Amino acid sequence: MKKNMGVAQRAIWVILGLVLVAWALFGSGPYHVWGWIGIVPLATGAIGWCAINAIFGIKTCKDC
């Protein structure tokens, strides 16, 4: 898997993932369990490869 995410996109995905995981850990109510889906954007941002970008042929990094 070749990287297809730029620095800005990776940062956004990691922040989004952290927010969702924090919601899962510290949130209340019946819907906070959905916050665990934040693992996906967190991992995607950490790896630098996004399946959605690959499907649509989008590359947001300069050196890809």
PDB file of N, CA and C in Angstrom:
ATOM      1  N   MET A   1       0.838  -1.177   0.000  1.00  0.00           N
ATOM      2  CA  MET A   1       0.000   0.000   0.000  1.00  0.00           C
ATOM      3  C   MET A   1       0.881   1.238   0.000  1.00  0.00           C
ATOM      4  N   LYS A   2       0.760   2.008  -1.052  1.00  0.00           N
ATOM      5  CA  LYS A   2       1.511   3.249  -1.156  1.00  0.00           C
ATOM      6  C   LYS A   2       0.729   4.376  -0.489  1.00  0.00           C
ATOM      7  N   LYS A   3       1.429   5.242   0.230  1.00  0.00           N
ATOM      8  CA  LYS A   3       0.748   6.337   0.922  1.00  0.00           C
ATOM      9  C   LYS A   3       0.019   7.230  -0.078  1.00  0.00           C
ATOM     10  N   ASN A   4      -1.183   7.653   0.296  1.00  0.00           N
ATOM     11  CA  ASN A   4      -1.960   8.536  -0.567  1.00  0.00           C
ATOM     12  C   ASN A   4      -2.599   9.691   0.212  1.00  0.00           C
ATOM     13  N   MET A   5      -2.094   9.936   1.413  1.00  0.00           N
ATOM     14  CA  MET A   5      -2.633  11.007   2.250  1.00  0.00           C
ATOM     15  C   MET A   5      -1.535  12.012   2.573  1.00  0.00           C
ATOM     16  N   GLY A   6      -1.866  13.287   2.417  1.00  0.00           N
ATOM     17  CA  GLY A   6      -0.947  14.352   2.774  1.00  0.00           C
ATOM     18  C   GLY A   6      -0.954  14.624   4.266  1.00  0.00           C
ATOM     19  N   VAL A   7      -0.083  15.508   4.680  1.00  0.00           N
ATOM     20  CA  VAL A   7       0.073  15.819   6.100  1.00  0.00           C
ATOM     21  C   VAL A   7      -1.212  16.394   6.690  1.00  0.00           C
ATOM     22  N   ALA A   8      -1.848  17.325   5.985  1.00  0.00           N
ATOM     23  CA  ALA A   8      -3.063  17.955   6.505  1.00  0.00           C
ATOM     24  C   ALA A   8      -4.192  16.932   6.647  1.00  0.00           C
ATOM     25  N   GLN A   9      -4.368  16.103   5.644  1.00  0.00           N
ATOM     26  CA  GLN A   9      -5.430  15.090   5.717  1.00  0.00           C
ATOM     27  C   GLN A   9      -5.160  14.097   6.835  1.00  0.00           C
ATOM     28  N   ARG A  10      -3.913  13.698   6.981  1.00  0.00           N
ATOM     29  CA  ARG A  10      -3.569  12.764   8.055  1.00  0.00           C
ATOM     30  C   ARG A  10      -3.856  13.373   9.417  1.00  0.00           C
ATOM     31  N   ALA A  11      -3.508  14.647   9.596  1.00  0.00           N
ATOM     32  CA  ALA A  11      -3.747  15.322  10.877  1.00  0.00           C
ATOM     33  C   ALA A  11      -5.241  15.389  11.181  1.00  0.00           C
ATOM     34  N   ILE A  12      -6.028  15.711  10.167  1.00  0.00           N
ATOM     35  CA  ILE A  12      -7.482  15.783  10.367  1.00  0.00           C
ATOM     36  C   ILE A  12      -8.034  14.428  10.765  1.00  0.00           C
ATOM     37  N   TRP A  13      -7.603  13.372  10.101  1.00  0.00           N
ATOM     38  CA  TRP A  13      -8.103  12.026  10.408  1.00  0.00           C
ATOM     39  C   TRP A  13      -7.691  11.588  11.811  1.00  0.00           C
ATOM     40  N   VAL A  14      -6.458  11.890  12.204  1.00  0.00           N
ATOM     41  CA  VAL A  14      -5.991  11.503  13.545  1.00  0.00           C
ATOM     42  C   VAL A  14      -6.776  12.260  14.620  1.00  0.00           C
ATOM     43  N   ILE A  15      -6.973  13.557  14.423  1.00  0.00           N
ATOM     44  CA  ILE A  15      -7.742  14.341  15.398  1.00  0.00           C
ATOM     45  C   ILE A  15      -9.171  13.827  15.486  1.00  0.00           C
ATOM     46  N   LEU A  16      -9.788  13.571  14.344  1.00  0.00           N
ATOM     47  CA  LEU A  16     -11.143  13.028  14.328  1.00  0.00           C
ATOM     48  C   LEU A  16     -11.199  11.684  15.059  1.00  0.00           C
ATOM     49  N   GLY A  17     -10.231  10.823  14.812  1.00  0.00           N
ATOM     50  CA  GLY A  17     -10.190   9.527  15.483  1.00  0.00           C
ATOM     51  C   GLY A  17     -10.035   9.661  16.984  1.00  0.00           C
ATOM     52  N   LEU A  18      -9.165  10.566  17.411  1.00  0.00           N
ATOM     53  CA  LEU A  18      -8.970  10.777  18.852  1.00  0.00           C
ATOM     54  C   LEU A  18     -10.226  11.312  19.519  1.00  0.00           C
ATOM     55  N   VAL A  19     -10.907  12.224  18.843  1.00  0.00           N
ATOM     56  CA  VAL A  19     -12.146  12.775  19.405  1.00  0.00           C
ATOM     57  C   VAL A  19     -13.198  11.678  19.554  1.00  0.00           C
ATOM     58  N   LEU A  20     -13.350  10.849  18.542  1.00  0.00           N
ATOM     59  CA  LEU A  20     -14.348   9.785  18.608  1.00  0.00           C
ATOM     60  C   LEU A  20     -14.016   8.736  19.671  1.00  0.00           C
ATOM     61  N   VAL A  21     -12.746   8.366  19.780  1.00  0.00           N
ATOM     62  CA  VAL A  21     -12.351   7.394  20.806  1.00  0.00           C
ATOM     63  C   VAL A  21     -12.533   7.989  22.201  1.00  0.00           C
ATOM     64  N   ALA A  22     -12.221   9.278  22.357  1.00  0.00           N
ATOM     65  CA  ALA A  22     -12.451   9.934  23.652  1.00  0.00           C
ATOM     66  C   ALA A  22     -13.933   9.939  23.987  1.00  0.00           C
ATOM     67  N   TRP A  23     -14.785  10.164  22.988  1.00  0.00           N
ATOM     68  CA  TRP A  23     -16.234  10.112  23.193  1.00  0.00           C
ATOM     69  C   TRP A  23     -16.651   8.729  23.657  1.00  0.00           C
ATOM     70  N   ALA A  24     -16.043   7.680  23.064  1.00  0.00           N
ATOM     71  CA  ALA A  24     -16.376   6.314  23.464  1.00  0.00           C
ATOM     72  C   ALA A  24     -15.939   6.040  24.906  1.00  0.00           C
ATOM     73  N   LEU A  25     -14.786   6.559  25.281  1.00  0.00           N
ATOM     74  CA  LEU A  25     -14.260   6.292  26.621  1.00  0.00           C
ATOM     75  C   LEU A  25     -14.953   7.105  27.708  1.00  0.00           C
ATOM     76  N   PHE A  26     -15.223   8.376  27.422  1.00  0.00           N
ATOM     77  CA  PHE A  26     -15.694   9.277  28.468  1.00  0.00           C
ATOM     78  C   PHE A  26     -17.129   9.763  28.275  1.00  0.00           C
ATOM     79  N   GLY A  27     -17.738   9.415  27.162  1.00  0.00           N
ATOM     80  CA  GLY A  27     -19.084   9.881  26.887  1.00  0.00           C
ATOM     81  C   GLY A  27     -20.131   9.141  27.699  1.00  0.00           C
ATOM     82  N   SER A  28     -21.311   9.683  27.669  1.00  0.00           N
ATOM     83  CA  SER A  28     -22.416   9.037  28.356  1.00  0.00           C
ATOM     84  C   SER A  28     -23.584   8.934  27.396  1.00  0.00           C
ATOM     85  N   GLY A  29     -24.538   8.159  27.764  1.00  0.00           N
ATOM     86  CA  GLY A  29     -25.702   7.963  26.903  1.00  0.00           C
ATOM     87  C   GLY A  29     -25.554   6.698  26.081  1.00  0.00           C
ATOM     88  N   PRO A  30     -26.594   6.347  25.389  1.00  0.00           N
ATOM     89  CA  PRO A  30     -26.579   5.067  24.667  1.00  0.00           C
ATOM     90  C   PRO A  30     -25.756   5.082  23.382  1.00  0.00           C
ATOM     91  N   TYR A  31     -25.416   6.251  22.855  1.00  0.00           N
ATOM     92  CA  TYR A  31     -24.767   6.308  21.549  1.00  0.00           C
ATOM     93  C   TYR A  31     -23.255   6.480  21.607  1.00  0.00           C
ATOM     94  N   HIS A  32     -22.686   6.649  22.790  1.00  0.00           N
ATOM     95  CA  HIS A  32     -21.251   6.849  22.864  1.00  0.00           C
ATOM     96  C   HIS A  32     -20.467   5.623  22.421  1.00  0.00           C
ATOM     97  N   VAL A  33     -21.090   4.468  22.368  1.00  0.00           N
ATOM     98  CA  VAL A  33     -20.418   3.246  21.910  1.00  0.00           C
ATOM     99  C   VAL A  33     -19.977   3.397  20.449  1.00  0.00           C
ATOM    100  N   TRP A  34     -20.714   4.197  19.680  1.00  0.00           N
ATOM    101  CA  TRP A  34     -20.356   4.416  18.281  1.00  0.00           C
ATOM    102  C   TRP A  34     -19.022   5.140  18.147  1.00  0.00           C
ATOM    103  N   GLY A  35     -18.530   5.712  19.199  1.00  0.00           N
ATOM    104  CA  GLY A  35     -17.239   6.396  19.164  1.00  0.00           C
ATOM    105  C   GLY A  35     -16.081   5.476  18.853  1.00  0.00           C
ATOM    106  N   TRP A  36     -16.256   4.182  19.091  1.00  0.00           N
ATOM    107  CA  TRP A  36     -15.181   3.230  18.790  1.00  0.00           C
ATOM    108  C   TRP A  36     -14.878   3.143  17.310  1.00  0.00           C
ATOM    109  N   ILE A  37     -15.776   3.637  16.472  1.00  0.00           N
ATOM    110  CA  ILE A  37     -15.502   3.687  15.036  1.00  0.00           C
ATOM    111  C   ILE A  37     -14.321   4.623  14.759  1.00  0.00           C
ATOM    112  N   GLY A  38     -13.974   5.446  15.738  1.00  0.00           N
ATOM    113  CA  GLY A  38     -12.834   6.350  15.626  1.00  0.00           C
ATOM    114  C   GLY A  38     -11.507   5.647  15.466  1.00  0.00           C
ATOM    115  N   ILE A  39     -11.457   4.366  15.755  1.00  0.00           N
ATOM    116  CA  ILE A  39     -10.222   3.599  15.551  1.00  0.00           C
ATOM    117  C   ILE A  39      -9.859   3.573  14.072  1.00  0.00           C
ATOM    118  N   VAL A  40     -10.854   3.560  13.206  1.00  0.00           N
ATOM    119  CA  VAL A  40     -10.606   3.498  11.757  1.00  0.00           C
ATOM    120  C   VAL A  40      -9.891   4.751  11.257  1.00  0.00           C
ATOM    121  N   PRO A  41     -10.433   5.973  11.483  1.00  0.00           N
ATOM    122  CA  PRO A  41      -9.681   7.138  11.004  1.00  0.00           C
ATOM    123  C   PRO A  41      -8.351   7.343  11.740  1.00  0.00           C
ATOM    124  N   LEU A  42      -8.279   6.909  12.982  1.00  0.00           N
ATOM    125  CA  LEU A  42      -7.024   7.005  13.723  1.00  0.00           C
ATOM    126  C   LEU A  42      -5.946   6.144  13.070  1.00  0.00           C
ATOM    127  N   ALA A  43      -6.283   4.909  12.760  1.00  0.00           N
ATOM    128  CA  ALA A  43      -5.332   4.011  12.098  1.00  0.00           C
ATOM    129  C   ALA A  43      -5.016   4.483  10.685  1.00  0.00           C
ATOM    130  N   THR A  44      -6.028   4.950   9.981  1.00  0.00           N
ATOM    131  CA  THR A  44      -5.830   5.432   8.613  1.00  0.00           C
ATOM    132  C   THR A  44      -4.863   6.613   8.595  1.00  0.00           C
ATOM    133  N   GLY A  45      -5.044   7.538   9.510  1.00  0.00           N
ATOM    134  CA  GLY A  45      -4.142   8.677   9.592  1.00  0.00           C
ATOM    135  C   GLY A  45      -2.735   8.281  10.001  1.00  0.00           C
ATOM    136  N   ALA A  46      -2.623   7.309  10.868  1.00  0.00           N
ATOM    137  CA  ALA A  46      -1.308   6.854  11.310  1.00  0.00           C
ATOM    138  C   ALA A  46      -0.549   6.138  10.190  1.00  0.00           C
ATOM    139  N   ILE A  47      -1.275   5.363   9.393  1.00  0.00           N
ATOM    140  CA  ILE A  47      -0.652   4.611   8.306  1.00  0.00           C
ATOM    141  C   ILE A  47      -0.355   5.511   7.109  1.00  0.00           C
ATOM    142  N   GLY A  48      -1.261   6.437   6.814  1.00  0.00           N
ATOM    143  CA  GLY A  48      -1.081   7.333   5.681  1.00  0.00           C
ATOM    144  C   GLY A  48      -1.708   6.827   4.399  1.00  0.00           C
ATOM    145  N   TRP A  49      -2.481   5.777   4.485  1.00  0.00           N
ATOM    146  CA  TRP A  49      -3.175   5.209   3.317  1.00  0.00           C
ATOM    147  C   TRP A  49      -4.659   5.157   3.615  1.00  0.00           C
ATOM    148  N   CYS A  50      -5.451   5.707   2.707  1.00  0.00           N
ATOM    149  CA  CYS A  50      -6.892   5.766   2.882  1.00  0.00           C
ATOM    150  C   CYS A  50      -7.564   4.991   1.751  1.00  0.00           C
ATOM    151  N   ALA A  51      -8.417   4.047   2.106  1.00  0.00           N
ATOM    152  CA  ALA A  51      -9.103   3.237   1.111  1.00  0.00           C
ATOM    153  C   ALA A  51     -10.033   4.084   0.243  1.00  0.00           C
ATOM    154  N   ILE A  52     -10.678   5.078   0.825  1.00  0.00           N
ATOM    155  CA  ILE A  52     -11.572   5.949   0.061  1.00  0.00           C
ATOM    156  C   ILE A  52     -10.770   6.714  -0.989  1.00  0.00           C
ATOM    157  N   ASN A  53      -9.605   7.230  -0.605  1.00  0.00           N
ATOM    158  CA  ASN A  53      -8.744   7.909  -1.567  1.00  0.00           C
ATOM    159  C   ASN A  53      -8.319   6.947  -2.676  1.00  0.00           C
ATOM    160  N   ALA A  54      -7.989   5.724  -2.325  1.00  0.00           N
ATOM    161  CA  ALA A  54      -7.550   4.749  -3.315  1.00  0.00           C
ATOM    162  C   ALA A  54      -8.663   4.409  -4.300  1.00  0.00           C
ATOM    163  N   ILE A  55      -9.873   4.248  -3.819  1.00  0.00           N
ATOM    164  CA  ILE A  55     -11.009   3.905  -4.686  1.00  0.00           C
ATOM    165  C   ILE A  55     -11.253   5.010  -5.709  1.00  0.00           C
ATOM    166  N   PHE A  56     -11.192   6.260  -5.259  1.00  0.00           N
ATOM    167  CA  PHE A  56     -11.477   7.389  -6.147  1.00  0.00           C
ATOM    168  C   PHE A  56     -10.229   7.965  -6.834  1.00  0.00           C
ATOM    169  N   GLY A  57      -9.075   7.376  -6.576  1.00  0.00           N
ATOM    170  CA  GLY A  57      -7.839   7.843  -7.212  1.00  0.00           C
ATOM    171  C   GLY A  57      -7.354   9.189  -6.717  1.00  0.00           C
ATOM    172  N   ILE A  58      -7.648   9.510  -5.467  1.00  0.00           N
ATOM    173  CA  ILE A  58      -7.262  10.793  -4.883  1.00  0.00           C
ATOM    174  C   ILE A  58      -5.927  10.631  -4.150  1.00  0.00           C
ATOM    175  N   LYS A  59      -5.014  11.552  -4.408  1.00  0.00           N
ATOM    176  CA  LYS A  59      -3.739  11.579  -3.695  1.00  0.00           C
ATOM    177  C   LYS A  59      -3.533  12.998  -3.185  1.00  0.00           C
ATOM    178  N   THR A  60      -3.490  13.157  -1.863  1.00  0.00           N
ATOM    179  CA  THR A  60      -3.330  14.480  -1.281  1.00  0.00           C
ATOM    180  C   THR A  60      -1.892  14.750  -0.834  1.00  0.00           C
ATOM    181  N   CYS A  61      -1.000  13.814  -1.069  1.00  0.00           N
ATOM    182  CA  CYS A  61       0.394  14.033  -0.699  1.00  0.00           C
ATOM    183  C   CYS A  61       1.181  14.528  -1.927  1.00  0.00           C
ATOM    184  N   LYS A  62       2.217  15.278  -1.672  1.00  0.00           N
ATOM    185  CA  LYS A  62       3.010  15.868  -2.759  1.00  0.00           C
ATOM    186  C   LYS A  62       3.916  14.842  -3.435  1.00  0.00           C
ATOM    187  N   ASP A  63       4.450  13.909  -2.673  1.00  0.00           N
ATOM    188  CA  ASP A  63       5.476  12.999  -3.185  1.00  0.00           C
ATOM    189  C   ASP A  63       4.939  11.623  -3.567  1.00  0.00           C
ATOM    190  N   CYS A  64       3.659  11.493  -3.769  1.00  0.00           N
ATOM    191  CA  CYS A  64       3.095  10.192  -4.109  1.00  0.00           C
ATOM    192  C   CYS A  64       3.176   9.925  -5.598  1.00  0.00           C
TER     193      CYS A  64
END
